[in-house]
Protein backbone atom coordinates (compact mmCIF):
# COMPACT_ATOMS: atom_id res chain seq x y z
CA MET A 1 84.30 100.97 94.68
CA LEU A 2 84.83 98.65 97.61
CA PRO A 3 83.41 95.15 97.26
CA ARG A 4 80.59 94.92 99.81
CA ARG A 5 77.35 93.23 100.79
CA THR A 6 74.75 95.54 102.25
CA PHE A 7 71.10 96.21 103.00
CA LEU A 8 70.82 99.31 100.80
CA ALA A 9 68.42 101.45 98.85
CA VAL A 10 69.84 103.95 96.40
CA ALA A 11 68.71 107.53 96.84
CA ALA A 12 66.92 109.59 94.27
CA ALA A 13 68.73 111.25 91.40
CA GLY A 14 70.57 114.39 92.40
CA ALA A 15 72.21 112.72 95.41
CA ALA A 16 74.10 110.05 93.56
CA THR A 17 76.81 109.63 96.19
CA THR A 18 74.26 108.90 98.90
CA VAL A 19 73.12 105.52 100.15
CA PHE A 20 70.04 105.43 102.36
CA ARG A 21 69.01 102.52 104.54
CA PRO A 22 65.56 101.26 105.50
CA THR A 23 66.34 101.74 109.19
CA ALA A 24 63.51 99.70 110.72
CA LEU A 25 64.15 96.77 108.41
CA MET A 26 67.85 96.86 109.16
CA ALA A 27 67.27 96.92 112.90
CA GLN A 28 65.12 93.80 112.58
CA ALA A 29 67.69 92.12 110.39
CA GLY A 30 70.70 92.93 112.59
CA ALA A 31 72.09 95.67 110.37
CA SER A 32 75.54 95.12 108.96
CA ASP A 33 77.74 95.86 105.97
CA SER A 34 80.65 93.80 104.68
CA TYR A 35 83.88 95.13 103.16
CA ALA A 36 86.51 92.95 101.53
CA THR A 37 90.09 92.96 102.80
CA ASP A 38 93.21 91.06 101.82
CA GLY A 39 92.49 88.53 104.57
CA GLY A 40 88.71 88.26 104.56
CA GLU A 41 85.78 90.52 105.33
CA VAL A 42 85.18 93.35 107.77
CA VAL A 43 81.57 93.43 108.96
CA ILE A 44 80.31 96.71 110.47
CA ARG A 45 77.39 96.71 112.90
CA PRO A 46 76.09 100.05 114.23
CA VAL A 47 74.87 99.86 117.83
CA SER A 48 73.90 103.38 118.95
CA HIS A 49 75.15 106.97 118.64
CA ALA A 50 78.95 106.52 118.67
CA SER A 51 79.05 102.81 119.51
CA PHE A 52 79.61 100.15 116.88
CA VAL A 53 81.17 96.74 116.33
CA MET A 54 83.51 95.55 113.58
CA GLU A 55 84.09 91.88 112.94
CA THR A 56 87.44 91.57 111.19
CA PRO A 57 89.83 88.81 110.11
CA SER A 58 92.05 89.86 113.03
CA GLY A 59 89.31 89.80 115.65
CA VAL A 60 86.23 91.63 116.87
CA ILE A 61 86.62 95.36 117.57
CA TYR A 62 84.22 97.42 119.67
CA CYS A 63 84.35 101.21 119.43
CA ASP A 64 83.22 103.36 122.38
CA PRO A 65 80.76 100.81 123.81
CA VAL A 66 78.47 102.42 126.39
CA GLY A 67 74.98 101.84 127.73
CA GLU A 68 73.48 98.51 128.73
CA ALA A 69 75.66 95.49 128.04
CA ALA A 70 72.50 93.77 126.81
CA GLN A 71 72.79 95.80 123.58
CA TYR A 72 75.76 93.60 122.71
CA GLU A 73 74.24 90.21 123.57
CA ASP A 74 73.87 89.26 119.92
CA MET A 75 77.38 90.47 119.04
CA PRO A 76 80.52 88.32 119.20
CA ALA A 77 82.72 89.07 122.21
CA PRO A 78 85.37 91.77 121.72
CA ASP A 79 89.04 91.05 121.16
CA LEU A 80 89.81 94.78 121.10
CA ILE A 81 87.93 97.78 122.49
CA LEU A 82 88.79 101.31 121.31
CA ILE A 83 87.93 104.31 123.50
CA THR A 84 88.24 107.78 121.97
CA HIS A 85 87.70 109.93 125.07
CA GLU A 86 86.19 110.25 128.52
CA HIS A 87 82.67 111.59 127.92
CA GLY A 88 79.85 109.36 129.08
CA ASP A 89 78.58 108.64 125.58
CA HIS A 90 82.00 107.16 124.73
CA TYR A 91 83.42 105.72 127.96
CA ASN A 92 81.67 103.82 130.73
CA ALA A 93 83.76 101.66 133.02
CA ASP A 94 80.80 99.53 134.14
CA THR A 95 79.86 98.72 130.54
CA LEU A 96 83.46 97.82 129.75
CA ALA A 97 83.73 95.57 132.79
CA ALA A 98 80.63 93.70 131.64
CA LEU A 99 81.92 93.27 128.10
CA VAL A 100 85.59 92.35 128.43
CA GLY A 101 86.55 88.73 128.14
CA ALA A 102 89.62 86.86 129.30
CA SER A 103 91.74 88.07 126.38
CA THR A 104 90.12 91.42 125.50
CA GLN A 105 92.58 94.29 125.02
CA LEU A 106 91.77 98.00 125.15
CA VAL A 107 93.27 101.07 123.47
CA THR A 108 92.46 104.47 124.96
CA ASN A 109 93.69 108.02 125.08
CA PRO A 110 95.86 108.83 128.15
CA ALA A 111 93.08 110.73 129.95
CA VAL A 112 90.77 107.70 129.90
CA TYR A 113 93.62 105.38 130.83
CA GLU A 114 94.23 107.38 134.01
CA LYS A 115 90.52 107.16 134.95
CA MET A 116 90.25 103.40 134.49
CA PRO A 117 89.98 101.03 137.43
CA ASP A 118 93.04 98.83 137.84
CA GLY A 119 91.40 95.76 136.32
CA LEU A 120 90.72 97.56 133.04
CA LYS A 121 93.97 99.51 133.09
CA ALA A 122 95.89 96.22 133.17
CA ARG A 123 94.36 95.34 129.79
CA ALA A 124 94.82 98.76 128.21
CA THR A 125 97.34 100.54 126.02
CA ALA A 126 97.34 104.34 126.22
CA LEU A 127 98.02 106.14 122.93
CA ALA A 128 98.52 109.90 122.78
CA ASN A 129 97.87 111.92 119.63
CA GLY A 130 100.33 110.87 116.95
CA GLU A 131 101.31 107.58 118.59
CA LYS A 132 100.96 104.15 116.99
CA ALA A 133 100.49 100.58 118.12
CA MET A 134 99.73 97.13 116.75
CA VAL A 135 97.07 95.26 118.71
CA ILE A 136 95.53 91.92 117.64
CA GLY A 137 97.37 92.35 114.35
CA VAL A 138 95.74 95.70 113.57
CA ASP A 139 97.86 98.81 112.99
CA ILE A 140 96.38 101.68 115.01
CA ASP A 141 97.29 105.36 114.62
CA ALA A 142 95.94 107.82 117.20
CA VAL A 143 94.72 110.92 115.35
CA PRO A 144 93.96 114.21 117.15
CA ALA A 145 90.26 114.88 117.80
CA TYR A 146 89.33 118.34 119.07
CA ASN A 147 87.17 121.42 118.70
CA THR A 148 88.42 124.39 116.71
CA THR A 149 85.51 126.81 117.18
CA GLU A 150 86.27 129.05 120.17
CA GLU A 151 82.99 128.51 122.03
CA ARG A 152 83.27 124.73 121.59
CA LYS A 153 86.88 124.24 122.73
CA GLN A 154 85.72 123.51 126.26
CA TYR A 155 84.22 120.23 125.11
CA HIS A 156 87.21 118.66 123.39
CA PRO A 157 90.46 120.58 123.91
CA GLU A 158 93.30 120.02 121.48
CA GLY A 159 95.74 117.33 122.56
CA ARG A 160 93.47 115.24 124.82
CA ASP A 161 91.14 113.06 122.75
CA ASN A 162 91.74 110.52 120.02
CA GLY A 163 90.38 109.52 116.68
CA TYR A 164 91.87 106.34 115.22
CA VAL A 165 93.04 105.18 111.81
CA LEU A 166 93.08 101.39 111.59
CA ASN A 167 94.73 99.27 108.92
CA ILE A 168 92.88 95.97 108.84
CA ASP A 169 94.44 93.66 106.27
CA GLY A 170 94.73 96.52 103.78
CA LEU A 171 91.38 98.18 104.60
CA THR A 172 91.89 101.61 106.20
CA VAL A 173 89.21 102.75 108.64
CA TYR A 174 89.04 106.22 110.21
CA ILE A 175 87.06 106.61 113.44
CA ALA A 176 86.88 110.35 114.06
CA GLY A 177 85.58 110.40 117.63
CA ASP A 178 84.32 113.82 118.76
CA THR A 179 85.98 116.45 116.60
CA GLU A 180 85.53 119.29 114.18
CA ASP A 181 87.03 119.29 110.68
CA THR A 182 90.58 119.69 111.92
CA ARG A 183 93.68 120.11 109.80
CA GLU A 184 94.64 116.53 110.72
CA MET A 185 91.31 115.18 109.47
CA ARG A 186 91.51 117.14 106.25
CA ALA A 187 95.06 115.86 105.63
CA LEU A 188 94.15 112.17 105.82
CA THR A 189 94.75 110.08 102.69
CA ASP A 190 93.76 106.66 101.37
CA ILE A 191 90.86 106.10 103.79
CA ASP A 192 88.43 103.40 102.73
CA VAL A 193 85.76 103.74 105.43
CA ALA A 194 85.25 106.74 107.74
CA PHE A 195 82.98 107.44 110.72
CA VAL A 196 82.39 111.18 111.11
CA PRO A 197 80.31 113.01 113.77
CA MET A 198 78.06 116.03 113.40
CA ASN A 199 76.09 117.58 116.21
CA LEU A 200 76.18 120.88 118.07
CA PRO A 201 77.61 122.12 120.27
CA TYR A 202 79.94 119.16 120.77
CA THR A 203 81.31 118.42 117.31
CA MET A 204 80.42 120.21 114.06
CA THR A 205 77.73 121.24 111.65
CA GLU A 206 76.64 119.29 108.59
CA GLU A 207 78.45 121.92 106.49
CA GLN A 208 81.73 121.43 108.36
CA ALA A 209 81.43 117.66 108.16
CA ALA A 210 80.78 117.75 104.42
CA SER A 211 83.71 120.11 103.84
CA GLY A 212 86.06 117.98 105.92
CA VAL A 213 85.00 114.72 104.29
CA ALA A 214 85.31 116.25 100.81
CA ALA A 215 88.88 117.24 101.70
CA PHE A 216 90.11 113.75 102.61
CA ALA A 217 87.76 111.88 100.26
CA PRO A 218 87.17 108.48 101.86
CA LYS A 219 85.55 105.87 99.66
CA VAL A 220 82.70 105.41 102.14
CA VAL A 221 81.55 107.57 105.06
CA TYR A 222 79.16 106.78 107.88
CA PRO A 223 77.64 109.83 109.57
CA TYR A 224 77.44 108.90 113.26
CA HIS A 225 77.09 110.70 116.59
CA TYR A 226 74.60 113.03 114.92
CA ARG A 227 71.47 112.99 117.15
CA ASP A 228 69.42 116.03 116.04
CA SER A 229 71.63 116.84 113.05
CA ASP A 230 70.53 115.82 109.56
CA PRO A 231 72.65 113.14 107.88
CA GLU A 232 70.67 113.49 104.66
CA LYS A 233 71.54 117.19 104.57
CA PHE A 234 75.19 116.20 105.05
CA ALA A 235 74.91 113.75 102.18
CA GLN A 236 73.44 116.39 99.89
CA LEU A 237 76.10 118.93 100.86
CA LEU A 238 78.81 116.37 100.17
CA SER A 239 77.26 115.63 96.78
CA ASP A 240 77.16 119.36 96.08
CA GLU A 241 80.91 119.47 96.78
CA GLY A 242 81.36 117.03 93.89
CA ALA A 243 82.68 114.31 96.18
CA GLU A 244 82.58 110.70 95.01
CA THR A 245 82.37 109.40 98.58
CA GLU A 246 79.48 107.04 99.22
CA VAL A 247 77.39 108.03 102.24
CA VAL A 248 75.92 105.21 104.31
CA ILE A 249 73.21 106.19 106.80
CA GLY A 250 72.80 103.45 109.36
CA PRO A 251 70.34 102.81 112.22
CA TRP A 252 72.19 104.64 114.99
CA TYR A 253 68.98 105.89 116.60
CA GLY A 254 65.80 103.91 116.84
């Protein structure tokens, strides 16, 4: 089990892998979790939908920040911003322009990189599927993110969008982006913390998400990007798979 400090309430018997959060209380308290690394702590702060912030020993990382910049007023400024793909709930150039500081760096997939205005592009590194980089001392692997179900392939075609695996002082974090339970996801190993989406028609069902997570067995998983899907159903399905992964349900919508 990862050393951590959290606002948590343990679920009822029969869903032993699941951790539920008192969402309203967490929102008031500035919800966060802490995970120990070799160099300090990583603090995770959900913002909304697919947007979240990680404070790490290497710097502050924003993932897919969109919406009003005011949502981030109480957050430390970003040293690194990760963009998974071009859809409006993951990439917004105006939001990025409002958030970047003098030394902020960005990592994007090539399709987003080509869409960026010159001022943002000058700060950005484009990573295609399978490519790697080190930015602010964090090892970053770009993992394919795509739809596999025929009628969903129009949303996220194979080869365009990224997920990311980060190594932060020995803590491995998988940010899935918008994807189904691809062969690349299922083949991941040694993931400490994962962020996995589930909503139709854009990503996957709770059943697919549970099957995919059971296959790569992260220590902790955050359901995110789920809107009208049921993260508690996902947690129960994952428990039914016999997985030992801890499910953390944060205040993504409120």
